[in-house]
């Protein structure tokens, strides 16, 4: 019985291990926005971080993280009231964290290859 991570899973884990500081930065900027302390440069910087996360996650087939980061990026660019943006970004940040945890679990769970559990052998 072989228990190993595939090269895809290894690449996904390497990418996912770089996300916690980025997620913390995003959360920090959202809190700054809610307190009206974030300037436009900081907010646009978070938009670029979200675009990087979306791009990297989609290249590695981590669709939940990619989709949520894309939605957050769109919400960040949207016009309108800051409080509406902050509320939407907070909700999506919760989804991003949930999708991140699920992606880490999926990428770190090795695929089991066991010859004795084939359909031909009861």
C-alpha atoms as a PDB file:
ATOM      1  CA  UNK A   1       0.000   0.000   0.000  1.00  0.00           C
ATOM      2  CA  UNK A   2       1.543   3.292  -1.123  1.00  0.00           C
ATOM      3  CA  UNK A   3       0.609   6.522   0.623  1.00  0.00           C
ATOM      4  CA  UNK A   4       2.205   9.485  -1.119  1.00  0.00           C
ATOM      5  CA  UNK A   5       1.182  12.932  -2.220  1.00  0.00           C
ATOM      6  CA  UNK A   6       0.977  13.451  -5.948  1.00  0.00           C
ATOM      7  CA  UNK A   7       3.016  16.192  -7.569  1.00  0.00           C
ATOM      8  CA  UNK A   8      -0.204  18.195  -7.983  1.00  0.00           C
ATOM      9  CA  UNK A   9      -0.940  17.902  -4.261  1.00  0.00           C
ATOM     10  CA  UNK A  10       2.619  18.939  -3.415  1.00  0.00           C
ATOM     11  CA  UNK A  11       2.305  22.021  -5.635  1.00  0.00           C
ATOM     12  CA  UNK A  12      -1.074  22.844  -4.102  1.00  0.00           C
ATOM     13  CA  UNK A  13       0.329  22.557  -0.575  1.00  0.00           C
ATOM     14  CA  UNK A  14       3.301  24.764  -1.446  1.00  0.00           C
ATOM     15  CA  UNK A  15       0.915  27.426  -2.767  1.00  0.00           C
ATOM     16  CA  UNK A  16      -1.480  27.093   0.158  1.00  0.00           C
ATOM     17  CA  UNK A  17       1.338  27.471   2.696  1.00  0.00           C
ATOM     18  CA  UNK A  18       2.003  30.962   1.330  1.00  0.00           C
ATOM     19  CA  UNK A  19      -1.589  32.122   1.880  1.00  0.00           C
ATOM     20  CA  UNK A  20      -1.942  32.650   5.680  1.00  0.00           C
ATOM     21  CA  UNK A  21       0.096  35.904   5.744  1.00  0.00           C
ATOM     22  CA  UNK A  22      -1.837  37.167   2.727  1.00  0.00           C
ATOM     23  CA  UNK A  23      -5.155  36.301   4.357  1.00  0.00           C
ATOM     24  CA  UNK A  24      -4.042  38.099   7.529  1.00  0.00           C
ATOM     25  CA  UNK A  25      -3.139  41.175   5.469  1.00  0.00           C
ATOM     26  CA  UNK A  26      -6.519  41.109   3.738  1.00  0.00           C
ATOM     27  CA  UNK A  27      -8.281  40.868   7.088  1.00  0.00           C
ATOM     28  CA  UNK A  28      -6.222  43.755   8.458  1.00  0.00           C
ATOM     29  CA  UNK A  29      -7.092  45.997   5.508  1.00  0.00           C
ATOM     30  CA  UNK A  30     -10.786  45.120   5.801  1.00  0.00           C
ATOM     31  CA  UNK A  31     -10.682  46.216   9.444  1.00  0.00           C
ATOM     32  CA  UNK A  32      -8.859  49.413   8.448  1.00  0.00           C
ATOM     33  CA  UNK A  33     -11.546  50.058   5.845  1.00  0.00           C
ATOM     34  CA  UNK A  34     -14.283  49.613   8.435  1.00  0.00           C
ATOM     35  CA  UNK A  35     -12.563  52.175  10.689  1.00  0.00           C
ATOM     36  CA  UNK A  36     -12.070  54.520   7.693  1.00  0.00           C
ATOM     37  CA  UNK A  37      -8.290  54.332   8.092  1.00  0.00           C
ATOM     38  CA  UNK A  38      -7.344  52.645   4.799  1.00  0.00           C
ATOM     39  CA  UNK A  39      -6.329  54.851   1.903  1.00  0.00           C
ATOM     40  CA  UNK A  40      -6.952  54.008  -1.735  1.00  0.00           C
ATOM     41  CA  UNK A  41      -3.406  52.700  -2.337  1.00  0.00           C
ATOM     42  CA  UNK A  42      -3.763  50.088   0.434  1.00  0.00           C
ATOM     43  CA  UNK A  43      -7.181  48.999  -0.829  1.00  0.00           C
ATOM     44  CA  UNK A  44      -5.890  48.623  -4.391  1.00  0.00           C
ATOM     45  CA  UNK A  45      -2.920  46.642  -3.051  1.00  0.00           C
ATOM     46  CA  UNK A  46      -5.300  44.155  -1.462  1.00  0.00           C
ATOM     47  CA  UNK A  47      -7.081  43.890  -4.807  1.00  0.00           C
ATOM     48  CA  UNK A  48      -3.787  42.865  -6.410  1.00  0.00           C
ATOM     49  CA  UNK A  49      -3.163  40.305  -3.657  1.00  0.00           C
ATOM     50  CA  UNK A  50      -6.629  38.849  -4.257  1.00  0.00           C
ATOM     51  CA  UNK A  51      -5.953  38.678  -8.005  1.00  0.00           C
ATOM     52  CA  UNK A  52      -2.675  36.824  -7.313  1.00  0.00           C
ATOM     53  CA  UNK A  53      -4.486  34.344  -5.073  1.00  0.00           C
ATOM     54  CA  UNK A  54      -7.178  33.809  -7.707  1.00  0.00           C
ATOM     55  CA  UNK A  55      -4.637  33.279 -10.469  1.00  0.00           C
ATOM     56  CA  UNK A  56      -2.454  30.878  -8.505  1.00  0.00           C
ATOM     57  CA  UNK A  57      -5.392  28.893  -7.169  1.00  0.00           C
ATOM     58  CA  UNK A  58      -6.979  28.515 -10.601  1.00  0.00           C
ATOM     59  CA  UNK A  59      -3.710  27.331 -12.125  1.00  0.00           C
ATOM     60  CA  UNK A  60      -3.517  24.624  -9.455  1.00  0.00           C
ATOM     61  CA  UNK A  61      -7.214  23.652  -9.703  1.00  0.00           C
ATOM     62  CA  UNK A  62      -8.106  24.928  -6.238  1.00  0.00           C
ATOM     63  CA  UNK A  63     -11.458  26.170  -7.470  1.00  0.00           C
ATOM     64  CA  UNK A  64     -13.095  27.146  -4.156  1.00  0.00           C
ATOM     65  CA  UNK A  65     -10.242  29.448  -3.184  1.00  0.00           C
ATOM     66  CA  UNK A  66      -9.980  30.857  -6.723  1.00  0.00           C
ATOM     67  CA  UNK A  67     -13.685  31.607  -6.969  1.00  0.00           C
ATOM     68  CA  UNK A  68     -13.880  33.269  -3.557  1.00  0.00           C
ATOM     69  CA  UNK A  69     -10.756  35.364  -4.186  1.00  0.00           C
ATOM     70  CA  UNK A  70     -12.249  36.460  -7.519  1.00  0.00           C
ATOM     71  CA  UNK A  71     -15.497  37.487  -5.847  1.00  0.00           C
ATOM     72  CA  UNK A  72     -13.558  39.403  -3.191  1.00  0.00           C
ATOM     73  CA  UNK A  73     -11.533  41.167  -5.866  1.00  0.00           C
ATOM     74  CA  UNK A  74     -14.710  42.209  -7.677  1.00  0.00           C
ATOM     75  CA  UNK A  75     -16.280  43.388  -4.431  1.00  0.00           C
ATOM     76  CA  UNK A  76     -13.129  45.372  -3.649  1.00  0.00           C
ATOM     77  CA  UNK A  77     -13.250  47.185  -7.012  1.00  0.00           C
ATOM     78  CA  UNK A  78     -16.933  47.982  -6.772  1.00  0.00           C
ATOM     79  CA  UNK A  79     -18.103  51.522  -6.215  1.00  0.00           C
ATOM     80  CA  UNK A  80     -20.596  52.471  -3.573  1.00  0.00           C
ATOM     81  CA  UNK A  81     -20.527  52.758   0.153  1.00  0.00           C
ATOM     82  CA  UNK A  82     -17.503  51.593   2.105  1.00  0.00           C
ATOM     83  CA  UNK A  83     -19.633  49.875   4.757  1.00  0.00           C
ATOM     84  CA  UNK A  84     -21.381  47.724   2.137  1.00  0.00           C
ATOM     85  CA  UNK A  85     -17.983  46.786   0.703  1.00  0.00           C
ATOM     86  CA  UNK A  86     -16.649  45.971   4.167  1.00  0.00           C
ATOM     87  CA  UNK A  87     -19.641  43.779   4.996  1.00  0.00           C
ATOM     88  CA  UNK A  88     -19.349  41.859   1.729  1.00  0.00           C
ATOM     89  CA  UNK A  89     -15.595  41.453   2.084  1.00  0.00           C
ATOM     90  CA  UNK A  90     -15.965  40.188   5.658  1.00  0.00           C
ATOM     91  CA  UNK A  91     -18.485  37.561   4.586  1.00  0.00           C
ATOM     92  CA  UNK A  92     -16.334  36.497   1.668  1.00  0.00           C
ATOM     93  CA  UNK A  93     -13.248  36.387   3.911  1.00  0.00           C
ATOM     94  CA  UNK A  94     -15.052  33.824   6.053  1.00  0.00           C
ATOM     95  CA  UNK A  95     -15.753  31.796   2.910  1.00  0.00           C
ATOM     96  CA  UNK A  96     -12.128  32.149   1.820  1.00  0.00           C
ATOM     97  CA  UNK A  97     -10.913  30.759   5.147  1.00  0.00           C
ATOM     98  CA  UNK A  98     -13.338  27.823   4.932  1.00  0.00           C
ATOM     99  CA  UNK A  99     -12.271  27.072   1.345  1.00  0.00           C
ATOM    100  CA  UNK A 100      -8.617  27.411   2.352  1.00  0.00           C
ATOM    101  CA  UNK A 101      -9.030  24.871   5.163  1.00  0.00           C
ATOM    102  CA  UNK A 102     -10.841  22.463   2.829  1.00  0.00           C
ATOM    103  CA  UNK A 103      -8.141  22.865   0.175  1.00  0.00           C
ATOM    104  CA  UNK A 104      -5.364  22.173   2.693  1.00  0.00           C
ATOM    105  CA  UNK A 105      -7.172  19.061   3.869  1.00  0.00           C
ATOM    106  CA  UNK A 106      -7.722  17.821   0.315  1.00  0.00           C
ATOM    107  CA  UNK A 107      -4.142  18.541  -0.748  1.00  0.00           C
ATOM    108  CA  UNK A 108      -2.619  16.886   2.303  1.00  0.00           C
ATOM    109  CA  UNK A 109      -4.747  13.741   2.169  1.00  0.00           C
ATOM    110  CA  UNK A 110      -2.750  11.168   0.210  1.00  0.00           C
ATOM    111  CA  UNK A 111      -4.445   9.127  -2.446  1.00  0.00           C
ATOM    112  CA  UNK A 112      -4.510   5.517  -1.341  1.00  0.00           C
ATOM    113  CA  UNK A 113      -3.304   2.961  -3.811  1.00  0.00           C
ATOM    114  CA  UNK A 114      -4.094  -0.519  -2.565  1.00  0.00           C
ATOM    115  CA  UNK A 115      -4.162  -3.515  -4.891  1.00  0.00           C
ATOM    116  CA  UNK A 116      -6.124  -5.682  -2.466  1.00  0.00           C
ATOM    117  CA  UNK A 117      -9.159  -3.412  -2.496  1.00  0.00           C
ATOM    118  CA  UNK A 118      -9.988  -3.763  -6.164  1.00  0.00           C
ATOM    119  CA  UNK A 119     -13.538  -4.711  -7.178  1.00  0.00           C
ATOM    120  CA  UNK A 120     -12.326  -8.166  -8.278  1.00  0.00           C
ATOM    121  CA  UNK A 121     -11.202  -9.065  -4.745  1.00  0.00           C
ATOM    122  CA  UNK A 122     -13.971  -9.153  -2.129  1.00  0.00           C
END
